[in-house]
N, C-alpha and C. Protein backbone atom coordinates (compact mmCIF):
# COMPACT_ATOMS: atom_id res chain seq x y z
N MET A 1 47.16 97.67 38.27
CA MET A 1 45.77 97.69 37.90
C MET A 1 45.64 97.13 36.49
N LYS A 2 44.57 96.38 36.30
CA LYS A 2 44.28 95.82 34.98
C LYS A 2 42.79 96.03 34.72
N LYS A 3 42.46 96.70 33.61
CA LYS A 3 41.06 97.00 33.29
C LYS A 3 40.77 96.52 31.89
N GLY A 4 39.56 96.08 31.67
CA GLY A 4 39.13 95.65 30.35
C GLY A 4 37.63 95.56 30.30
N ASN A 5 37.13 95.08 29.19
CA ASN A 5 35.70 94.86 29.03
C ASN A 5 35.50 93.46 28.49
N PHE A 6 34.72 92.68 29.20
CA PHE A 6 34.51 91.28 28.85
C PHE A 6 33.93 91.11 27.45
N PHE A 7 33.16 92.08 26.99
CA PHE A 7 32.45 91.93 25.71
C PHE A 7 33.17 92.52 24.51
N THR A 8 34.40 92.99 24.67
CA THR A 8 35.14 93.49 23.51
C THR A 8 35.77 92.33 22.76
N ALA A 9 36.35 92.60 21.59
CA ALA A 9 36.94 91.62 20.68
C ALA A 9 37.14 90.26 21.34
N PRO A 10 37.05 89.19 20.61
CA PRO A 10 37.02 89.12 19.16
C PRO A 10 35.63 89.16 18.55
N GLU A 11 34.59 88.91 19.36
CA GLU A 11 33.26 88.77 18.76
C GLU A 11 32.75 90.06 18.13
N SER A 12 33.26 91.21 18.56
CA SER A 12 32.79 92.47 17.99
C SER A 12 33.43 92.75 16.63
N SER A 13 34.39 91.92 16.24
CA SER A 13 35.10 92.18 14.99
C SER A 13 34.54 91.45 13.79
N GLY A 14 33.32 90.91 13.89
CA GLY A 14 32.69 90.25 12.75
C GLY A 14 32.60 88.75 12.97
N THR A 15 32.66 87.99 11.88
CA THR A 15 32.51 86.55 11.92
C THR A 15 33.68 85.90 12.65
N LEU A 16 33.37 85.02 13.55
CA LEU A 16 34.38 84.30 14.33
C LEU A 16 34.58 82.94 13.68
N THR A 17 35.71 82.75 12.98
CA THR A 17 35.95 81.48 12.28
C THR A 17 36.47 80.40 13.22
N ASP A 18 37.27 80.76 14.21
CA ASP A 18 37.79 79.81 15.19
C ASP A 18 37.28 80.19 16.58
N GLU A 19 37.05 79.19 17.38
CA GLU A 19 36.67 79.44 18.76
C GLU A 19 37.80 80.22 19.43
N PHE A 20 37.45 81.18 20.28
CA PHE A 20 38.44 82.05 20.92
C PHE A 20 38.62 81.64 22.38
N PHE A 21 39.88 81.50 22.80
CA PHE A 21 40.24 81.25 24.19
C PHE A 21 41.21 82.34 24.62
N GLY A 22 40.86 83.11 25.64
CA GLY A 22 41.73 84.19 26.10
C GLY A 22 41.88 84.18 27.60
N GLU A 23 43.11 84.11 28.07
CA GLU A 23 43.37 84.11 29.51
C GLU A 23 43.12 85.49 30.08
N LEU A 24 42.32 85.58 31.14
CA LEU A 24 42.03 86.84 31.81
C LEU A 24 42.89 87.04 33.05
N LEU A 25 43.14 85.95 33.76
CA LEU A 25 43.85 86.03 35.04
C LEU A 25 44.42 84.66 35.36
N LYS A 26 45.62 84.65 35.93
CA LYS A 26 46.24 83.37 36.29
C LYS A 26 46.91 83.51 37.65
N GLY A 27 46.73 82.49 38.48
CA GLY A 27 47.36 82.45 39.79
C GLY A 27 48.12 81.13 39.94
N ARG A 28 48.64 80.91 41.13
CA ARG A 28 49.40 79.67 41.35
C ARG A 28 48.51 78.43 41.23
N ALA A 29 47.24 78.55 41.60
CA ALA A 29 46.37 77.37 41.65
C ALA A 29 45.13 77.49 40.76
N PHE A 30 45.07 78.51 39.90
CA PHE A 30 43.88 78.67 39.06
C PHE A 30 44.23 79.40 37.78
N ARG A 31 43.32 79.29 36.82
CA ARG A 31 43.40 80.05 35.57
C ARG A 31 41.98 80.44 35.20
N LEU A 32 41.77 81.73 34.91
CA LEU A 32 40.46 82.25 34.52
C LEU A 32 40.54 82.66 33.06
N GLU A 33 39.61 82.16 32.25
CA GLU A 33 39.65 82.49 30.83
C GLU A 33 38.28 82.84 30.29
N LYS A 34 38.32 83.58 29.20
CA LYS A 34 37.13 83.91 28.42
C LYS A 34 37.16 83.00 27.20
N ILE A 35 36.01 82.41 26.89
CA ILE A 35 35.86 81.59 25.69
C ILE A 35 34.70 82.17 24.89
N VAL A 36 34.90 82.31 23.59
CA VAL A 36 33.83 82.75 22.71
C VAL A 36 33.62 81.68 21.65
N SER A 37 32.39 81.18 21.57
CA SER A 37 32.00 80.15 20.62
C SER A 37 30.85 80.69 19.78
N ALA A 38 30.90 80.46 18.49
CA ALA A 38 29.81 80.91 17.61
C ALA A 38 29.47 79.76 16.68
N GLY A 39 28.68 78.82 17.20
CA GLY A 39 28.35 77.62 16.44
C GLY A 39 29.44 76.57 16.51
N HIS A 40 30.48 76.80 17.29
CA HIS A 40 31.59 75.84 17.39
C HIS A 40 31.19 74.69 18.31
N ILE A 41 31.62 73.48 17.95
CA ILE A 41 31.40 72.30 18.78
C ILE A 41 32.69 71.49 18.83
N THR A 42 32.74 70.56 19.76
CA THR A 42 33.86 69.63 19.85
C THR A 42 33.73 68.63 18.71
N PRO A 43 34.80 68.31 18.02
CA PRO A 43 34.73 67.30 16.96
C PRO A 43 34.05 66.01 17.46
N LYS A 44 33.27 65.38 16.58
CA LYS A 44 32.40 64.26 16.95
C LYS A 44 33.08 63.14 17.74
N ASP A 45 34.26 62.74 17.39
CA ASP A 45 34.93 61.63 18.08
C ASP A 45 35.93 62.09 19.13
N SER A 46 35.82 63.33 19.59
CA SER A 46 36.76 63.89 20.56
C SER A 46 36.06 64.16 21.89
N TRP A 47 36.85 64.10 22.95
CA TRP A 47 36.37 64.41 24.30
C TRP A 47 37.39 65.29 24.99
N TYR A 48 36.91 66.22 25.81
CA TYR A 48 37.80 66.94 26.72
C TYR A 48 38.01 66.02 27.91
N ASP A 49 39.25 65.87 28.34
CA ASP A 49 39.62 65.09 29.51
C ASP A 49 40.70 65.91 30.22
N GLN A 50 40.27 66.84 31.04
CA GLN A 50 41.16 67.86 31.58
C GLN A 50 41.76 67.46 32.91
N GLU A 51 42.97 67.91 33.14
CA GLU A 51 43.71 67.62 34.37
C GLU A 51 43.12 68.34 35.59
N ALA A 52 42.48 69.49 35.38
CA ALA A 52 41.95 70.31 36.48
C ALA A 52 40.43 70.33 36.44
N ASP A 53 39.84 70.67 37.58
CA ASP A 53 38.40 70.94 37.62
C ASP A 53 38.14 72.19 36.79
N GLU A 54 36.91 72.31 36.28
CA GLU A 54 36.52 73.49 35.51
C GLU A 54 35.14 73.93 35.96
N TRP A 55 35.00 75.21 36.19
CA TRP A 55 33.71 75.83 36.50
C TRP A 55 33.45 76.81 35.39
N VAL A 56 32.31 76.67 34.69
CA VAL A 56 31.99 77.57 33.59
C VAL A 56 30.68 78.30 33.87
N LEU A 57 30.65 79.56 33.46
CA LEU A 57 29.46 80.39 33.51
C LEU A 57 29.19 80.82 32.08
N LEU A 58 28.00 80.52 31.58
CA LEU A 58 27.62 80.98 30.26
C LEU A 58 27.04 82.39 30.41
N VAL A 59 27.81 83.37 29.99
CA VAL A 59 27.44 84.77 30.17
C VAL A 59 26.42 85.21 29.11
N ARG A 60 26.59 84.68 27.90
CA ARG A 60 25.68 85.05 26.80
C ARG A 60 25.52 83.84 25.89
N GLY A 61 24.32 83.71 25.29
CA GLY A 61 24.06 82.64 24.32
C GLY A 61 23.45 81.41 24.94
N GLU A 62 23.47 80.32 24.17
CA GLU A 62 22.96 79.03 24.59
C GLU A 62 23.96 77.96 24.17
N ALA A 63 24.03 76.87 24.95
CA ALA A 63 24.98 75.81 24.65
C ALA A 63 24.47 74.50 25.23
N ALA A 64 25.08 73.39 24.79
CA ALA A 64 24.79 72.07 25.34
C ALA A 64 26.11 71.31 25.44
N ILE A 65 26.28 70.63 26.57
CA ILE A 65 27.47 69.82 26.83
C ILE A 65 27.03 68.39 27.06
N GLU A 66 27.68 67.46 26.38
CA GLU A 66 27.40 66.04 26.55
C GLU A 66 28.55 65.41 27.34
N PHE A 67 28.18 64.56 28.30
CA PHE A 67 29.16 63.83 29.09
C PHE A 67 29.26 62.40 28.56
N GLU A 68 30.34 61.73 28.90
CA GLU A 68 30.61 60.39 28.38
C GLU A 68 29.49 59.40 28.71
N ASP A 69 28.77 59.62 29.83
CA ASP A 69 27.68 58.72 30.20
C ASP A 69 26.39 59.04 29.44
N CYS A 70 26.47 59.91 28.41
CA CYS A 70 25.35 60.33 27.55
C CYS A 70 24.45 61.38 28.17
N THR A 71 24.77 61.86 29.37
CA THR A 71 24.02 62.97 29.96
C THR A 71 24.29 64.23 29.15
N VAL A 72 23.23 64.97 28.83
CA VAL A 72 23.36 66.24 28.12
C VAL A 72 22.86 67.35 29.04
N VAL A 73 23.69 68.38 29.20
CA VAL A 73 23.32 69.52 30.02
C VAL A 73 23.16 70.72 29.09
N GLU A 74 21.95 71.28 29.06
CA GLU A 74 21.67 72.47 28.26
C GLU A 74 21.86 73.70 29.13
N LEU A 75 22.52 74.70 28.57
CA LEU A 75 22.81 75.93 29.30
C LEU A 75 22.28 77.13 28.56
N LYS A 76 21.80 78.10 29.32
CA LYS A 76 21.42 79.40 28.75
C LYS A 76 22.14 80.47 29.55
N ALA A 77 22.12 81.69 29.07
CA ALA A 77 22.84 82.78 29.73
C ALA A 77 22.50 82.82 31.22
N GLY A 78 23.54 82.86 32.04
CA GLY A 78 23.38 82.89 33.49
C GLY A 78 23.60 81.54 34.15
N ASP A 79 23.53 80.45 33.38
CA ASP A 79 23.74 79.12 33.95
C ASP A 79 25.22 78.85 34.16
N PHE A 80 25.53 78.11 35.22
CA PHE A 80 26.91 77.69 35.44
C PHE A 80 26.95 76.19 35.65
N LEU A 81 28.14 75.61 35.48
CA LEU A 81 28.32 74.17 35.56
C LEU A 81 29.72 73.88 36.07
N GLN A 82 29.83 72.95 37.01
CA GLN A 82 31.14 72.50 37.46
C GLN A 82 31.42 71.14 36.83
N ILE A 83 32.59 71.01 36.23
CA ILE A 83 33.02 69.77 35.59
C ILE A 83 34.27 69.31 36.32
N ASP A 84 34.21 68.12 36.91
CA ASP A 84 35.34 67.60 37.66
C ASP A 84 36.48 67.21 36.73
N ALA A 85 37.70 67.24 37.25
CA ALA A 85 38.87 66.79 36.50
C ALA A 85 38.61 65.38 35.97
N HIS A 86 39.01 65.16 34.74
CA HIS A 86 38.90 63.86 34.05
C HIS A 86 37.46 63.41 33.82
N GLU A 87 36.49 64.30 33.98
CA GLU A 87 35.10 63.99 33.62
C GLU A 87 34.96 64.30 32.13
N ARG A 88 35.01 63.25 31.33
CA ARG A 88 35.05 63.42 29.88
C ARG A 88 33.75 64.04 29.38
N HIS A 89 33.91 65.08 28.55
CA HIS A 89 32.76 65.83 28.05
C HIS A 89 33.11 66.47 26.71
N ARG A 90 32.07 66.91 26.02
CA ARG A 90 32.26 67.64 24.77
C ARG A 90 31.10 68.62 24.58
N VAL A 91 31.39 69.68 23.86
CA VAL A 91 30.39 70.69 23.55
C VAL A 91 29.68 70.24 22.27
N ILE A 92 28.36 70.06 22.35
CA ILE A 92 27.62 69.57 21.18
C ILE A 92 26.77 70.65 20.52
N TYR A 93 26.66 71.82 21.17
CA TYR A 93 25.91 72.93 20.57
C TYR A 93 26.36 74.24 21.19
N THR A 94 26.57 75.25 20.36
CA THR A 94 26.70 76.64 20.83
C THR A 94 25.95 77.53 19.85
N SER A 95 25.25 78.50 20.37
CA SER A 95 24.50 79.41 19.49
C SER A 95 25.49 80.28 18.71
N ALA A 96 25.11 80.58 17.47
CA ALA A 96 25.94 81.46 16.63
C ALA A 96 25.53 82.91 16.81
N GLU A 97 24.26 83.16 16.96
CA GLU A 97 23.72 84.51 17.16
C GLU A 97 22.74 84.47 18.31
N PRO A 98 23.02 84.99 19.45
CA PRO A 98 24.29 85.62 19.75
C PRO A 98 25.36 84.57 20.00
N SER A 99 26.61 84.95 19.79
CA SER A 99 27.71 84.03 20.08
C SER A 99 27.72 83.75 21.59
N CYS A 100 28.25 82.59 21.94
CA CYS A 100 28.37 82.23 23.35
C CYS A 100 29.61 82.87 23.94
N CYS A 101 29.44 83.50 25.07
CA CYS A 101 30.57 84.00 25.85
C CYS A 101 30.57 83.23 27.16
N TRP A 102 31.69 82.58 27.41
CA TRP A 102 31.87 81.77 28.60
C TRP A 102 32.92 82.41 29.50
N LEU A 103 32.75 82.25 30.79
CA LEU A 103 33.78 82.55 31.77
C LEU A 103 34.15 81.21 32.39
N ALA A 104 35.40 80.80 32.24
CA ALA A 104 35.81 79.47 32.69
C ALA A 104 36.93 79.59 33.73
N LEU A 105 36.73 78.95 34.86
CA LEU A 105 37.70 78.92 35.93
C LEU A 105 38.24 77.51 36.04
N HIS A 106 39.57 77.36 35.92
CA HIS A 106 40.24 76.07 36.00
C HIS A 106 41.07 76.03 37.28
N GLY A 107 40.96 74.93 38.02
CA GLY A 107 41.74 74.80 39.24
C GLY A 107 41.38 73.51 39.95
N SER A 108 41.54 73.50 41.25
CA SER A 108 41.19 72.35 42.07
C SER A 108 40.13 72.83 43.06
N PHE A 109 38.92 72.29 42.94
CA PHE A 109 37.79 72.76 43.75
C PHE A 109 37.35 71.69 44.73
N GLU A 110 36.83 72.13 45.85
CA GLU A 110 36.21 71.21 46.81
C GLU A 110 34.71 71.23 46.60
N SER A 111 34.09 70.08 46.69
CA SER A 111 32.63 69.99 46.49
C SER A 111 31.88 70.39 47.72
């Protein structure tokens, strides 16, 4: 048995200087992680280009993700987004108060 609370540390411990990535669960074909962002964005000239598909749920806060084709997707608490493997993207906005809490599932998904 494994028990925890999604909303405990690090965000409850004060100012978050670095974006937090914490693995919650891992299987043979997937990885589930918690991400906490508080005003953090992807560096201007950088892109995520991930080997696996990613499905994200914004549990708390607001955020915006820009794709290489200049499409911007704005997210608020409760919104989810599927990002295909090698679909280049970057985070261009995350709210600081409240901090963004993401649930991210990495794996290989069928559309």
